[in-house]
Amino acid sequence: MNPIWGNLIGAGIVLMTVVFVAIWYWAWRPRHKRKFDAMARLPMHDTDEDDR
């Protein structure tokens, strides 16, 4: 196997790690807290509209 494949695979792993960390950082930013808290409470909303 050509040794260049090892370098390409390594670069791909580094790229995937950077993308993962960037998404993690985006999701945990403080400005998203209110929106994520509201979305977390959605399943707990009790609506009586289904019973009518």
PDB file of N, CA and C in Angstrom:
ATOM      1  N   MET A   1       0.849  -1.174   0.000  1.00  0.00           N
ATOM      2  CA  MET A   1       0.000   0.000   0.000  1.00  0.00           C
ATOM      3  C   MET A   1       0.891   1.233   0.000  1.00  0.00           C
ATOM      4  N   ASN A   2       0.443   2.244  -0.693  1.00  0.00           N
ATOM      5  CA  ASN A   2       1.188   3.490  -0.805  1.00  0.00           C
ATOM      6  C   ASN A   2       1.177   4.235   0.540  1.00  0.00           C
ATOM      7  N   PRO A   3       2.345   4.752   0.980  1.00  0.00           N
ATOM      8  CA  PRO A   3       2.405   5.444   2.277  1.00  0.00           C
ATOM      9  C   PRO A   3       1.571   6.720   2.336  1.00  0.00           C
ATOM     10  N   ILE A   4       1.176   7.244   1.197  1.00  0.00           N
ATOM     11  CA  ILE A   4       0.359   8.465   1.211  1.00  0.00           C
ATOM     12  C   ILE A   4      -0.995   8.214   1.852  1.00  0.00           C
ATOM     13  N   TRP A   5      -1.503   6.961   1.776  1.00  0.00           N
ATOM     14  CA  TRP A   5      -2.803   6.642   2.373  1.00  0.00           C
ATOM     15  C   TRP A   5      -2.808   6.872   3.877  1.00  0.00           C
ATOM     16  N   GLY A   6      -1.713   6.557   4.529  1.00  0.00           N
ATOM     17  CA  GLY A   6      -1.617   6.794   5.976  1.00  0.00           C
ATOM     18  C   GLY A   6      -1.750   8.273   6.297  1.00  0.00           C
ATOM     19  N   ASN A   7      -1.120   9.119   5.476  1.00  0.00           N
ATOM     20  CA  ASN A   7      -1.226  10.560   5.699  1.00  0.00           C
ATOM     21  C   ASN A   7      -2.639  11.065   5.426  1.00  0.00           C
ATOM     22  N   LEU A   8      -3.274  10.541   4.371  1.00  0.00           N
ATOM     23  CA  LEU A   8      -4.636  10.965   4.064  1.00  0.00           C
ATOM     24  C   LEU A   8      -5.622  10.541   5.152  1.00  0.00           C
ATOM     25  N   ILE A   9      -5.465   9.341   5.644  1.00  0.00           N
ATOM     26  CA  ILE A   9      -6.341   8.864   6.710  1.00  0.00           C
ATOM     27  C   ILE A   9      -6.120   9.690   7.973  1.00  0.00           C
ATOM     28  N   GLY A  10      -4.876   9.986   8.284  1.00  0.00           N
ATOM     29  CA  GLY A  10      -4.581  10.831   9.446  1.00  0.00           C
ATOM     30  C   GLY A  10      -5.181  12.217   9.311  1.00  0.00           C
ATOM     31  N   ALA A  11      -5.084  12.815   8.127  1.00  0.00           N
ATOM     32  CA  ALA A  11      -5.672  14.139   7.891  1.00  0.00           C
ATOM     33  C   ALA A  11      -7.195  14.071   8.007  1.00  0.00           C
ATOM     34  N   GLY A  12      -7.785  12.991   7.531  1.00  0.00           N
ATOM     35  CA  GLY A  12      -9.232  12.831   7.650  1.00  0.00           C
ATOM     36  C   GLY A  12      -9.674  12.729   9.102  1.00  0.00           C
ATOM     37  N   ILE A  13      -8.920  11.995   9.906  1.00  0.00           N
ATOM     38  CA  ILE A  13      -9.251  11.858  11.327  1.00  0.00           C
ATOM     39  C   ILE A  13      -9.118  13.207  12.032  1.00  0.00           C
ATOM     40  N   VAL A  14      -8.080  13.950  11.707  1.00  0.00           N
ATOM     41  CA  VAL A  14      -7.911  15.276  12.305  1.00  0.00           C
ATOM     42  C   VAL A  14      -9.071  16.183  11.895  1.00  0.00           C
ATOM     43  N   LEU A  15      -9.466  16.143  10.643  1.00  0.00           N
ATOM     44  CA  LEU A  15     -10.579  16.955  10.166  1.00  0.00           C
ATOM     45  C   LEU A  15     -11.875  16.586  10.880  1.00  0.00           C
ATOM     46  N   MET A  16     -12.155  15.291  11.025  1.00  0.00           N
ATOM     47  CA  MET A  16     -13.364  14.859  11.724  1.00  0.00           C
ATOM     48  C   MET A  16     -13.340  15.292  13.189  1.00  0.00           C
ATOM     49  N   THR A  17     -12.180  15.242  13.828  1.00  0.00           N
ATOM     50  CA  THR A  17     -12.061  15.676  15.215  1.00  0.00           C
ATOM     51  C   THR A  17     -12.337  17.168  15.340  1.00  0.00           C
ATOM     52  N   VAL A  18     -11.804  17.957  14.424  1.00  0.00           N
ATOM     53  CA  VAL A  18     -12.035  19.404  14.452  1.00  0.00           C
ATOM     54  C   VAL A  18     -13.517  19.708  14.247  1.00  0.00           C
ATOM     55  N   VAL A  19     -14.161  19.014  13.335  1.00  0.00           N
ATOM     56  CA  VAL A  19     -15.591  19.221  13.098  1.00  0.00           C
ATOM     57  C   VAL A  19     -16.393  18.836  14.347  1.00  0.00           C
ATOM     58  N   PHE A  20     -16.049  17.738  14.977  1.00  0.00           N
ATOM     59  CA  PHE A  20     -16.732  17.309  16.191  1.00  0.00           C
ATOM     60  C   PHE A  20     -16.601  18.350  17.295  1.00  0.00           C
ATOM     61  N   VAL A  21     -15.403  18.844  17.517  1.00  0.00           N
ATOM     62  CA  VAL A  21     -15.176  19.849  18.562  1.00  0.00           C
ATOM     63  C   VAL A  21     -15.921  21.138  18.234  1.00  0.00           C
ATOM     64  N   ALA A  22     -15.954  21.521  16.968  1.00  0.00           N
ATOM     65  CA  ALA A  22     -16.670  22.738  16.573  1.00  0.00           C
ATOM     66  C   ALA A  22     -18.164  22.601  16.834  1.00  0.00           C
ATOM     67  N   ILE A  23     -18.757  21.460  16.527  1.00  0.00           N
ATOM     68  CA  ILE A  23     -20.180  21.245  16.788  1.00  0.00           C
ATOM     69  C   ILE A  23     -20.440  21.224  18.288  1.00  0.00           C
ATOM     70  N   TRP A  24     -19.584  20.576  19.039  1.00  0.00           N
ATOM     71  CA  TRP A  24     -19.714  20.529  20.495  1.00  0.00           C
ATOM     72  C   TRP A  24     -19.643  21.937  21.079  1.00  0.00           C
ATOM     73  N   TYR A  25     -18.704  22.729  20.604  1.00  0.00           N
ATOM     74  CA  TYR A  25     -18.569  24.108  21.086  1.00  0.00           C
ATOM     75  C   TYR A  25     -19.815  24.917  20.741  1.00  0.00           C
ATOM     76  N   TRP A  26     -20.331  24.770  19.532  1.00  0.00           N
ATOM     77  CA  TRP A  26     -21.527  25.495  19.116  1.00  0.00           C
ATOM     78  C   TRP A  26     -22.722  25.134  19.998  1.00  0.00           C
ATOM     79  N   ALA A  27     -22.883  23.844  20.279  1.00  0.00           N
ATOM     80  CA  ALA A  27     -24.043  23.387  21.046  1.00  0.00           C
ATOM     81  C   ALA A  27     -23.986  23.847  22.498  1.00  0.00           C
ATOM     82  N   TRP A  28     -22.808  23.995  23.066  1.00  0.00           N
ATOM     83  CA  TRP A  28     -22.683  24.339  24.479  1.00  0.00           C
ATOM     84  C   TRP A  28     -22.467  25.824  24.727  1.00  0.00           C
ATOM     85  N   ARG A  29     -22.645  26.667  23.714  1.00  0.00           N
ATOM     86  CA  ARG A  29     -22.508  28.102  23.922  1.00  0.00           C
ATOM     87  C   ARG A  29     -23.636  28.593  24.812  1.00  0.00           C
ATOM     88  N   PRO A  30     -23.348  29.534  25.700  1.00  0.00           N
ATOM     89  CA  PRO A  30     -24.380  30.017  26.630  1.00  0.00           C
ATOM     90  C   PRO A  30     -25.599  30.625  25.941  1.00  0.00           C
ATOM     91  N   ARG A  31     -25.440  31.183  24.768  1.00  0.00           N
ATOM     92  CA  ARG A  31     -26.597  31.823  24.141  1.00  0.00           C
ATOM     93  C   ARG A  31     -27.640  30.799  23.683  1.00  0.00           C
ATOM     94  N   HIS A  32     -27.293  29.525  23.589  1.00  0.00           N
ATOM     95  CA  HIS A  32     -28.242  28.488  23.194  1.00  0.00           C
ATOM     96  C   HIS A  32     -28.999  27.897  24.378  1.00  0.00           C
ATOM     97  N   LYS A  33     -28.608  28.250  25.599  1.00  0.00           N
ATOM     98  CA  LYS A  33     -29.180  27.625  26.786  1.00  0.00           C
ATOM     99  C   LYS A  33     -30.694  27.801  26.870  1.00  0.00           C
ATOM    100  N   ARG A  34     -31.197  29.012  26.664  1.00  0.00           N
ATOM    101  CA  ARG A  34     -32.640  29.243  26.777  1.00  0.00           C
ATOM    102  C   ARG A  34     -33.420  28.415  25.755  1.00  0.00           C
ATOM    103  N   LYS A  35     -32.922  28.382  24.522  1.00  0.00           N
ATOM    104  CA  LYS A  35     -33.621  27.640  23.471  1.00  0.00           C
ATOM    105  C   LYS A  35     -33.617  26.139  23.756  1.00  0.00           C
ATOM    106  N   PHE A  36     -32.468  25.601  24.176  1.00  0.00           N
ATOM    107  CA  PHE A  36     -32.378  24.171  24.457  1.00  0.00           C
ATOM    108  C   PHE A  36     -33.211  23.799  25.680  1.00  0.00           C
ATOM    109  N   ASP A  37     -33.264  24.681  26.697  1.00  0.00           N
ATOM    110  CA  ASP A  37     -34.102  24.402  27.858  1.00  0.00           C
ATOM    111  C   ASP A  37     -35.571  24.368  27.461  1.00  0.00           C
ATOM    112  N   ALA A  38     -35.980  25.286  26.602  1.00  0.00           N
ATOM    113  CA  ALA A  38     -37.368  25.300  26.144  1.00  0.00           C
ATOM    114  C   ALA A  38     -37.684  24.038  25.348  1.00  0.00           C
ATOM    115  N   MET A  39     -36.783  23.605  24.494  1.00  0.00           N
ATOM    116  CA  MET A  39     -37.014  22.385  23.712  1.00  0.00           C
ATOM    117  C   MET A  39     -37.033  21.151  24.607  1.00  0.00           C
ATOM    118  N   ALA A  40     -36.256  21.164  25.694  1.00  0.00           N
ATOM    119  CA  ALA A  40     -36.232  20.024  26.606  1.00  0.00           C
ATOM    120  C   ALA A  40     -37.552  19.895  27.360  1.00  0.00           C
ATOM    121  N   ARG A  41     -38.249  21.010  27.575  1.00  0.00           N
ATOM    122  CA  ARG A  41     -39.527  20.973  28.287  1.00  0.00           C
ATOM    123  C   ARG A  41     -40.711  20.627  27.384  1.00  0.00           C
ATOM    124  N   LEU A  42     -40.540  20.646  26.073  1.00  0.00           N
ATOM    125  CA  LEU A  42     -41.654  20.383  25.158  1.00  0.00           C
ATOM    126  C   LEU A  42     -42.355  19.041  25.405  1.00  0.00           C
ATOM    127  N   PRO A  43     -41.647  17.936  25.599  1.00  0.00           N
ATOM    128  CA  PRO A  43     -42.358  16.666  25.812  1.00  0.00           C
ATOM    129  C   PRO A  43     -43.181  16.660  27.097  1.00  0.00           C
ATOM    130  N   MET A  44     -42.863  17.540  28.039  1.00  0.00           N
ATOM    131  CA  MET A  44     -43.567  17.564  29.313  1.00  0.00           C
ATOM    132  C   MET A  44     -44.813  18.451  29.283  1.00  0.00           C
ATOM    133  N   HIS A  45     -45.011  19.186  28.191  1.00  0.00           N
ATOM    134  CA  HIS A  45     -46.187  20.040  28.085  1.00  0.00           C
ATOM    135  C   HIS A  45     -47.444  19.182  28.059  1.00  0.00           C
ATOM    136  N   ASP A  46     -48.352  19.505  28.938  1.00  0.00           N
ATOM    137  CA  ASP A  46     -49.608  18.766  29.001  1.00  0.00           C
ATOM    138  C   ASP A  46     -50.679  19.576  28.288  1.00  0.00           C
ATOM    139  N   THR A  47     -51.100  19.088  27.144  1.00  0.00           N
ATOM    140  CA  THR A  47     -52.141  19.800  26.406  1.00  0.00           C
ATOM    141  C   THR A  47     -53.406  18.959  26.422  1.00  0.00           C
ATOM    142  N   ASP A  48     -54.498  19.625  26.705  1.00  0.00           N
ATOM    143  CA  ASP A  48     -55.791  18.932  26.729  1.00  0.00           C
ATOM    144  C   ASP A  48     -56.469  18.988  25.362  1.00  0.00           C
ATOM    145  N   GLU A  49     -55.843  19.540  24.386  1.00  0.00           N
ATOM    146  CA  GLU A  49     -56.450  19.644  23.071  1.00  0.00           C
ATOM    147  C   GLU A  49     -56.653  18.282  22.419  1.00  0.00           C
ATOM    148  N   ASP A  50     -55.820  17.312  22.772  1.00  0.00           N
ATOM    149  CA  ASP A  50     -55.969  15.968  22.204  1.00  0.00           C
ATOM    150  C   ASP A  50     -57.204  15.252  22.765  1.00  0.00           C
ATOM    151  N   ASP A  51     -57.620  15.634  23.969  1.00  0.00           N
ATOM    152  CA  ASP A  51     -58.754  14.963  24.609  1.00  0.00           C
ATOM    153  C   ASP A  51     -60.092  15.478  24.107  1.00  0.00           C
ATOM    154  N   ARG A  52     -60.113  16.615  23.464  1.00  0.00           N
ATOM    155  CA  ARG A  52     -61.373  17.226  23.029  1.00  0.00           C
ATOM    156  C   ARG A  52     -61.880  16.648  21.750  1.00  0.00           C
TER     157      ARG A  52
END
